[in-house]
């Protein structure tokens, strides 16, 4: 564990942010949001972590729940980051081609 002040700890890169988001599981499909292709943007700067996340449908009743889970996962993995913002976005519209091959296989596609 580092004794460096939080302001001196390195910021997570996109890969690290996506790894943390892989703990967020879509409860309906049982697949994480990264494999589903729901994470459109993941970045960090001195102000904090910013994530743009979508749902498989704008009518998805679990959007706020999944957004909250994503924010919680990021705060847990990166407690030294000053702020975490997860925004639900609808452009571009999600489609199944955005899923990883692993997610498609899990769904039998």
N, C-alpha and C. Protein backbone atom coordinates (compact mmCIF):
# COMPACT_ATOMS: atom_id res chain seq x y z
N UNK A 1 0.85 -1.18 0.00
CA UNK A 1 0.00 0.00 0.00
C UNK A 1 0.89 1.23 0.00
N UNK A 2 0.59 2.18 -0.83
CA UNK A 2 1.40 3.38 -0.99
C UNK A 2 1.08 4.39 0.11
N UNK A 3 2.10 5.12 0.56
CA UNK A 3 1.91 6.20 1.51
C UNK A 3 1.85 7.55 0.81
N UNK A 4 1.83 7.55 -0.51
CA UNK A 4 1.78 8.79 -1.27
C UNK A 4 0.43 9.46 -1.10
N UNK A 5 0.42 10.79 -1.04
CA UNK A 5 -0.87 11.48 -1.00
C UNK A 5 -1.71 11.10 -2.22
N UNK A 6 -3.03 11.11 -2.04
CA UNK A 6 -3.93 10.73 -3.14
C UNK A 6 -3.64 11.49 -4.42
N UNK A 7 -3.27 12.76 -4.30
CA UNK A 7 -3.02 13.57 -5.49
C UNK A 7 -1.80 13.11 -6.28
N UNK A 8 -0.93 12.29 -5.66
CA UNK A 8 0.26 11.80 -6.34
C UNK A 8 0.10 10.39 -6.90
N UNK A 9 -1.00 9.72 -6.56
CA UNK A 9 -1.23 8.38 -7.07
C UNK A 9 -1.58 8.46 -8.55
N UNK A 10 -1.14 7.49 -9.33
CA UNK A 10 -1.44 7.55 -10.77
C UNK A 10 -2.92 7.36 -11.04
N UNK A 11 -3.37 8.01 -12.09
CA UNK A 11 -4.76 7.84 -12.52
C UNK A 11 -4.89 6.54 -13.29
N UNK A 12 -6.03 5.90 -13.18
CA UNK A 12 -6.22 4.67 -13.95
C UNK A 12 -6.32 4.98 -15.44
N UNK A 13 -5.83 4.07 -16.27
CA UNK A 13 -5.98 4.24 -17.70
C UNK A 13 -7.30 3.58 -18.13
N UNK A 14 -7.61 3.67 -19.42
CA UNK A 14 -8.87 3.14 -19.92
C UNK A 14 -9.01 1.65 -19.63
N UNK A 15 -7.94 0.91 -19.81
CA UNK A 15 -7.98 -0.52 -19.57
C UNK A 15 -8.32 -0.84 -18.11
N UNK A 16 -7.71 -0.13 -17.18
CA UNK A 16 -7.99 -0.35 -15.75
C UNK A 16 -9.43 0.00 -15.42
N UNK A 17 -9.94 1.06 -16.01
CA UNK A 17 -11.34 1.45 -15.77
C UNK A 17 -12.27 0.36 -16.30
N UNK A 18 -11.99 -0.13 -17.50
CA UNK A 18 -12.82 -1.20 -18.07
C UNK A 18 -12.73 -2.48 -17.24
N UNK A 19 -11.56 -2.78 -16.69
CA UNK A 19 -11.43 -3.96 -15.83
C UNK A 19 -12.31 -3.82 -14.59
N UNK A 20 -12.36 -2.63 -14.02
CA UNK A 20 -13.22 -2.40 -12.86
C UNK A 20 -14.70 -2.52 -13.25
N UNK A 21 -15.04 -2.02 -14.42
CA UNK A 21 -16.44 -2.09 -14.88
C UNK A 21 -16.86 -3.51 -15.23
N UNK A 22 -15.89 -4.39 -15.46
CA UNK A 22 -16.23 -5.79 -15.78
C UNK A 22 -16.89 -6.48 -14.59
N UNK A 23 -16.85 -5.89 -13.41
CA UNK A 23 -17.54 -6.44 -12.24
C UNK A 23 -19.03 -6.09 -12.23
N UNK A 24 -19.44 -5.24 -13.15
CA UNK A 24 -20.85 -4.83 -13.22
C UNK A 24 -21.57 -5.75 -14.19
N UNK A 25 -22.49 -6.52 -13.67
CA UNK A 25 -23.20 -7.53 -14.44
C UNK A 25 -24.61 -7.05 -14.76
N UNK A 26 -24.99 -7.19 -16.03
CA UNK A 26 -26.38 -6.92 -16.41
C UNK A 26 -27.22 -8.04 -15.80
N UNK A 27 -28.13 -7.72 -14.87
CA UNK A 27 -28.86 -8.77 -14.18
C UNK A 27 -29.79 -9.59 -15.09
N UNK A 28 -30.22 -9.03 -16.18
CA UNK A 28 -31.10 -9.76 -17.09
C UNK A 28 -30.34 -10.76 -17.95
N UNK A 29 -29.13 -10.38 -18.37
CA UNK A 29 -28.37 -11.23 -19.28
C UNK A 29 -27.26 -12.01 -18.59
N UNK A 30 -26.86 -11.57 -17.38
CA UNK A 30 -25.80 -12.27 -16.66
C UNK A 30 -24.42 -12.09 -17.26
N UNK A 31 -24.23 -11.03 -18.01
CA UNK A 31 -22.95 -10.73 -18.67
C UNK A 31 -22.54 -9.32 -18.26
N UNK A 32 -21.24 -9.10 -18.12
CA UNK A 32 -20.80 -7.79 -17.67
C UNK A 32 -20.97 -6.73 -18.77
N UNK A 33 -21.04 -5.48 -18.32
CA UNK A 33 -21.32 -4.37 -19.23
C UNK A 33 -20.23 -4.13 -20.26
N UNK A 34 -19.00 -4.52 -19.94
CA UNK A 34 -17.90 -4.35 -20.90
C UNK A 34 -18.07 -5.35 -22.04
N UNK A 35 -18.30 -6.62 -21.70
CA UNK A 35 -18.48 -7.66 -22.73
C UNK A 35 -19.72 -7.39 -23.58
N UNK A 36 -20.73 -6.77 -22.98
CA UNK A 36 -21.94 -6.45 -23.73
C UNK A 36 -21.73 -5.27 -24.68
N UNK A 37 -20.62 -4.56 -24.54
CA UNK A 37 -20.36 -3.41 -25.40
C UNK A 37 -21.13 -2.17 -24.97
N UNK A 38 -21.48 -2.10 -23.69
CA UNK A 38 -22.26 -0.97 -23.19
C UNK A 38 -21.41 0.22 -22.76
N UNK A 39 -20.10 0.02 -22.66
CA UNK A 39 -19.20 1.11 -22.24
C UNK A 39 -18.69 1.81 -23.49
N UNK A 40 -19.12 3.03 -23.69
CA UNK A 40 -18.73 3.79 -24.88
C UNK A 40 -17.48 4.62 -24.64
N UNK A 41 -17.28 5.09 -23.42
CA UNK A 41 -16.12 5.92 -23.12
C UNK A 41 -15.68 5.63 -21.69
N UNK A 42 -14.39 5.58 -21.46
CA UNK A 42 -13.83 5.39 -20.13
C UNK A 42 -12.51 6.14 -20.08
N UNK A 43 -12.47 7.19 -19.26
CA UNK A 43 -11.25 7.99 -19.18
C UNK A 43 -11.10 8.60 -17.79
N UNK A 44 -9.90 8.97 -17.48
CA UNK A 44 -9.62 9.63 -16.21
C UNK A 44 -8.73 10.84 -16.46
N UNK A 45 -8.98 11.88 -15.69
CA UNK A 45 -8.11 13.05 -15.69
C UNK A 45 -8.01 13.55 -14.25
N UNK A 46 -7.38 14.65 -14.02
CA UNK A 46 -7.16 15.11 -12.65
C UNK A 46 -8.45 15.39 -11.90
N UNK A 47 -9.56 15.58 -12.63
CA UNK A 47 -10.85 15.83 -11.99
C UNK A 47 -11.56 14.54 -11.60
N UNK A 48 -11.18 13.41 -12.20
CA UNK A 48 -11.82 12.15 -11.85
C UNK A 48 -12.00 11.24 -13.04
N UNK A 49 -12.85 10.25 -12.83
CA UNK A 49 -13.15 9.26 -13.87
C UNK A 49 -14.46 9.64 -14.53
N UNK A 50 -14.49 9.53 -15.85
CA UNK A 50 -15.69 9.81 -16.63
C UNK A 50 -15.99 8.59 -17.50
N UNK A 51 -17.21 8.11 -17.41
CA UNK A 51 -17.64 6.95 -18.19
C UNK A 51 -18.95 7.28 -18.88
N UNK A 52 -19.03 6.93 -20.16
CA UNK A 52 -20.28 7.00 -20.91
C UNK A 52 -20.73 5.56 -21.11
N UNK A 53 -21.93 5.28 -20.64
CA UNK A 53 -22.47 3.93 -20.61
C UNK A 53 -23.85 3.96 -21.24
N UNK A 54 -24.19 2.92 -21.96
CA UNK A 54 -25.52 2.84 -22.54
C UNK A 54 -26.19 1.56 -22.07
N UNK A 55 -27.41 1.38 -22.45
CA UNK A 55 -28.17 0.16 -22.17
C UNK A 55 -28.52 -0.49 -23.50
N UNK A 56 -28.95 -1.73 -23.46
CA UNK A 56 -29.33 -2.41 -24.69
C UNK A 56 -30.56 -1.78 -25.31
N UNK A 57 -31.33 -1.04 -24.49
CA UNK A 57 -32.52 -0.34 -24.98
C UNK A 57 -32.78 0.87 -24.10
N UNK A 58 -33.21 2.00 -24.67
CA UNK A 58 -33.56 3.15 -23.83
C UNK A 58 -34.70 2.83 -22.85
N UNK A 59 -35.48 1.82 -23.15
CA UNK A 59 -36.59 1.43 -22.28
C UNK A 59 -36.15 0.49 -21.15
N UNK A 60 -34.87 0.17 -21.07
CA UNK A 60 -34.37 -0.75 -20.05
C UNK A 60 -34.69 -0.20 -18.66
N UNK A 61 -35.43 -0.95 -17.85
CA UNK A 61 -35.79 -0.46 -16.52
C UNK A 61 -34.63 -0.49 -15.52
N UNK A 62 -33.51 -1.10 -15.90
CA UNK A 62 -32.39 -1.24 -14.99
C UNK A 62 -31.28 -0.22 -15.23
N UNK A 63 -31.52 0.75 -16.09
CA UNK A 63 -30.49 1.73 -16.42
C UNK A 63 -29.89 2.42 -15.21
N UNK A 64 -30.72 2.94 -14.33
CA UNK A 64 -30.22 3.65 -13.15
C UNK A 64 -29.49 2.69 -12.21
N UNK A 65 -30.01 1.48 -12.06
CA UNK A 65 -29.37 0.48 -11.21
C UNK A 65 -27.96 0.14 -11.74
N UNK A 66 -27.86 -0.10 -13.03
CA UNK A 66 -26.56 -0.45 -13.61
C UNK A 66 -25.61 0.75 -13.54
N UNK A 67 -26.11 1.95 -13.76
CA UNK A 67 -25.28 3.15 -13.63
C UNK A 67 -24.74 3.26 -12.21
N UNK A 68 -25.59 3.04 -11.22
CA UNK A 68 -25.17 3.11 -9.82
C UNK A 68 -24.14 2.02 -9.50
N UNK A 69 -24.35 0.82 -10.04
CA UNK A 69 -23.40 -0.28 -9.83
C UNK A 69 -22.04 0.07 -10.44
N UNK A 70 -22.06 0.67 -11.62
CA UNK A 70 -20.81 1.07 -12.27
C UNK A 70 -20.08 2.12 -11.45
N UNK A 71 -20.80 3.09 -10.98
CA UNK A 71 -20.18 4.13 -10.14
C UNK A 71 -19.59 3.51 -8.87
N UNK A 72 -20.33 2.61 -8.24
CA UNK A 72 -19.83 1.95 -7.04
C UNK A 72 -18.58 1.13 -7.29
N UNK A 73 -18.55 0.40 -8.41
CA UNK A 73 -17.38 -0.41 -8.74
C UNK A 73 -16.15 0.48 -8.95
N UNK A 74 -16.34 1.60 -9.60
CA UNK A 74 -15.22 2.51 -9.85
C UNK A 74 -14.72 3.14 -8.56
N UNK A 75 -15.65 3.53 -7.70
CA UNK A 75 -15.24 4.12 -6.41
C UNK A 75 -14.51 3.10 -5.55
N UNK A 76 -14.95 1.85 -5.61
CA UNK A 76 -14.29 0.80 -4.83
C UNK A 76 -12.89 0.52 -5.35
N UNK A 77 -12.73 0.44 -6.66
CA UNK A 77 -11.43 0.13 -7.25
C UNK A 77 -10.45 1.31 -7.23
N UNK A 78 -10.98 2.52 -7.26
CA UNK A 78 -10.12 3.70 -7.33
C UNK A 78 -10.53 4.73 -6.27
N UNK A 79 -10.38 4.39 -4.99
CA UNK A 79 -10.84 5.30 -3.93
C UNK A 79 -10.06 6.61 -3.88
N UNK A 80 -8.89 6.66 -4.48
CA UNK A 80 -8.07 7.88 -4.46
C UNK A 80 -8.49 8.90 -5.53
N UNK A 81 -9.34 8.50 -6.46
CA UNK A 81 -9.77 9.41 -7.52
C UNK A 81 -10.82 10.36 -6.94
N UNK A 82 -10.69 11.66 -7.19
CA UNK A 82 -11.56 12.63 -6.53
C UNK A 82 -13.04 12.56 -6.91
N UNK A 83 -13.36 12.13 -8.11
CA UNK A 83 -14.76 12.13 -8.53
C UNK A 83 -14.99 11.03 -9.55
N UNK A 84 -16.18 10.46 -9.54
CA UNK A 84 -16.56 9.46 -10.52
C UNK A 84 -17.91 9.89 -11.11
N UNK A 85 -17.97 9.97 -12.42
CA UNK A 85 -19.22 10.33 -13.09
C UNK A 85 -19.52 9.29 -14.17
N UNK A 86 -20.66 8.65 -14.04
CA UNK A 86 -21.11 7.68 -15.03
C UNK A 86 -22.38 8.24 -15.65
N UNK A 87 -22.31 8.49 -16.94
CA UNK A 87 -23.43 9.09 -17.66
C UNK A 87 -24.07 8.05 -18.56
N UNK A 88 -25.40 7.97 -18.51
CA UNK A 88 -26.12 7.12 -19.46
C UNK A 88 -26.31 7.90 -20.75
N UNK A 89 -25.91 7.29 -21.85
CA UNK A 89 -26.03 7.94 -23.16
C UNK A 89 -26.80 7.00 -24.11
N UNK A 90 -27.33 7.58 -25.17
CA UNK A 90 -28.15 6.79 -26.10
C UNK A 90 -27.66 6.87 -27.53
N UNK A 91 -26.58 7.59 -27.75
CA UNK A 91 -25.99 7.70 -29.08
C UNK A 91 -24.55 7.25 -29.02
N UNK A 92 -24.10 6.41 -29.89
CA UNK A 92 -24.90 5.73 -30.90
C UNK A 92 -25.78 4.65 -30.24
N UNK A 93 -26.83 4.32 -30.92
CA UNK A 93 -27.74 3.30 -30.41
C UNK A 93 -27.00 1.96 -30.34
N UNK A 94 -27.16 1.26 -29.23
CA UNK A 94 -26.50 -0.03 -29.05
C UNK A 94 -27.13 -1.06 -29.98
N UNK A 95 -26.30 -1.97 -30.48
CA UNK A 95 -26.84 -3.13 -31.20
C UNK A 95 -25.96 -4.33 -30.88
N UNK A 96 -26.47 -5.54 -31.09
CA UNK A 96 -25.75 -6.75 -30.68
C UNK A 96 -24.35 -6.91 -31.28
N UNK A 97 -24.07 -6.26 -32.39
CA UNK A 97 -22.73 -6.38 -32.98
C UNK A 97 -21.66 -5.77 -32.07
N UNK A 98 -22.05 -4.97 -31.09
CA UNK A 98 -21.11 -4.33 -30.17
C UNK A 98 -20.62 -5.28 -29.08
N UNK A 99 -21.26 -6.43 -28.95
CA UNK A 99 -20.86 -7.40 -27.93
C UNK A 99 -19.55 -8.08 -28.32
N UNK A 100 -18.82 -8.51 -27.31
CA UNK A 100 -17.61 -9.29 -27.56
C UNK A 100 -18.01 -10.67 -28.07
N UNK A 101 -17.06 -11.35 -28.67
CA UNK A 101 -17.32 -12.72 -29.14
C UNK A 101 -17.69 -13.61 -27.96
N UNK A 102 -17.07 -13.38 -26.82
CA UNK A 102 -17.36 -14.16 -25.62
C UNK A 102 -18.82 -13.97 -25.19
N UNK A 103 -19.30 -12.73 -25.21
CA UNK A 103 -20.69 -12.46 -24.82
C UNK A 103 -21.64 -13.12 -25.81
N UNK A 104 -21.33 -13.02 -27.08
CA UNK A 104 -22.19 -13.66 -28.10
C UNK A 104 -22.24 -15.17 -27.87
N UNK A 105 -21.09 -15.77 -27.56
CA UNK A 105 -21.05 -17.22 -27.31
C UNK A 105 -21.89 -17.59 -26.09
N UNK A 106 -21.81 -16.76 -25.03
CA UNK A 106 -22.60 -17.02 -23.82
C UNK A 106 -24.09 -16.99 -24.12
N UNK A 107 -24.48 -16.18 -25.09
CA UNK A 107 -25.89 -16.07 -25.45
C UNK A 107 -26.27 -17.07 -26.54
N UNK A 108 -25.30 -17.86 -26.99
CA UNK A 108 -25.57 -18.88 -28.00
C UNK A 108 -25.68 -18.32 -29.41
N UNK A 109 -25.00 -17.19 -29.66
CA UNK A 109 -25.06 -16.56 -31.00
C UNK A 109 -23.87 -16.96 -31.82
